[in-house]
Protein backbone atom coordinates (compact mmCIF):
# COMPACT_ATOMS: atom_id res chain seq x y z
CA MET A 1 -93.20 144.97 72.11
CA PRO A 2 -92.34 142.23 75.31
CA ALA A 3 -89.24 142.89 77.14
CA ARG A 4 -85.79 141.59 76.13
CA ARG A 5 -85.77 139.14 78.45
CA TYR A 6 -89.10 137.42 77.10
CA ARG A 7 -88.41 137.63 73.43
CA SER A 8 -87.27 133.46 73.54
CA ARG A 9 -89.15 130.11 73.52
CA THR A 10 -87.50 129.69 77.05
CA TYR A 11 -90.54 131.96 78.66
CA LYS A 12 -93.67 130.95 77.93
CA GLY A 13 -96.71 133.33 76.86
CA HIS A 14 -99.63 132.48 77.96
CA HIS A 15 -103.43 134.07 75.87
CA ILE A 16 -105.82 135.64 78.28
CA LYS A 17 -109.10 137.22 78.40
CA VAL A 18 -108.59 140.98 80.13
CA PRO A 19 -110.87 143.76 79.99
CA GLY A 20 -109.37 146.16 77.28
CA GLY A 21 -109.57 142.05 74.89
CA VAL A 22 -106.46 139.65 74.73
CA THR A 23 -103.15 140.05 76.05
CA VAL A 24 -99.90 137.56 76.57
CA ARG A 25 -98.79 136.60 80.60
CA PHE A 26 -95.09 135.66 80.73
CA VAL A 27 -95.31 132.65 82.98
CA GLU A 28 -91.63 132.46 84.66
CA LYS A 29 -89.25 130.06 84.02
CA LYS A 30 -89.42 127.07 86.84
CA ARG A 31 -86.64 126.93 89.31
CA LYS A 32 -84.22 123.79 88.85
CA ALA A 33 -84.08 121.19 92.08
CA SER A 34 -80.77 121.70 94.74
CA LYS A 35 -78.32 118.71 93.74
CA CYS A 36 -76.24 116.69 96.04
CA ALA A 37 -72.83 117.88 95.95
CA ARG A 38 -72.26 114.28 96.35
CA CYS A 39 -74.26 111.63 94.68
CA GLY A 40 -76.26 114.49 92.09
CA GLY A 41 -79.89 113.58 93.84
CA ALA A 42 -81.75 116.22 94.81
CA LEU A 43 -82.19 117.62 97.99
CA ALA A 44 -84.83 116.76 100.16
CA GLY A 45 -85.66 120.83 102.48
CA VAL A 46 -85.28 122.86 100.51
CA PRO A 47 -87.19 124.86 98.39
CA ARG A 48 -87.32 125.55 94.34
CA ALA A 49 -87.31 129.25 94.16
CA GLY A 50 -84.84 132.05 92.85
CA SER A 51 -82.40 133.96 94.83
CA SER A 52 -84.96 136.92 95.45
CA GLY A 53 -87.42 133.98 96.66
CA LEU A 54 -85.03 132.41 98.37
CA ARG A 55 -84.44 135.92 100.24
CA ALA A 56 -88.16 136.58 101.41
CA LEU A 57 -88.54 133.70 103.84
CA ALA A 58 -87.27 132.53 107.34
CA LYS A 59 -83.68 131.07 107.28
CA SER A 60 -84.46 128.09 108.82
CA SER A 61 -87.16 127.55 106.11
CA ARG A 62 -83.76 128.11 102.95
CA ARG A 63 -81.95 124.58 103.95
CA PRO A 64 -82.77 122.67 107.00
CA THR A 65 -80.52 122.80 109.82
CA ARG A 66 -78.71 119.72 110.42
CA LEU A 67 -74.65 119.28 108.99
CA TYR A 68 -74.05 119.83 105.71
CA GLY A 69 -77.51 120.05 105.09
CA GLY A 70 -78.05 122.55 101.73
CA ASN A 71 -74.79 120.80 100.05
CA LEU A 72 -75.60 117.25 100.81
CA CYS A 73 -78.43 115.06 101.14
CA PRO A 74 -78.97 112.91 104.54
CA ALA A 75 -77.47 109.38 102.93
CA CYS A 76 -74.27 111.55 101.64
CA ALA A 77 -73.69 113.24 104.91
CA ARG A 78 -74.28 110.35 107.17
CA GLN A 79 -70.92 109.03 105.67
CA ALA A 80 -69.47 112.62 104.90
CA ILE A 81 -69.75 112.47 109.24
CA LYS A 82 -68.62 108.87 109.19
CA GLU A 83 -65.36 109.61 107.22
CA ALA A 84 -65.13 112.36 109.28
CA VAL A 85 -65.03 110.49 112.68
CA ARG A 86 -62.22 108.01 111.61
CA VAL A 87 -59.77 110.35 110.19
């Protein structure tokens, strides 16, 4: 019997041939893209990785190094900077 976390339909089971016969291999769920906090669009430059996958990456690879990087898309970040300067 598979482990408890694999007993839902959200995990895809693939039948693969191995020397001992046919077995089922479970594939991880595909991560969703990070979203902009303002407009909800997908963020460019942020990898689709889980928390353990992000920890393995270098800090410069996790998110853009610009202001509001990893939180706002470039267009929304530009607007936020303009608003902050005006106030």
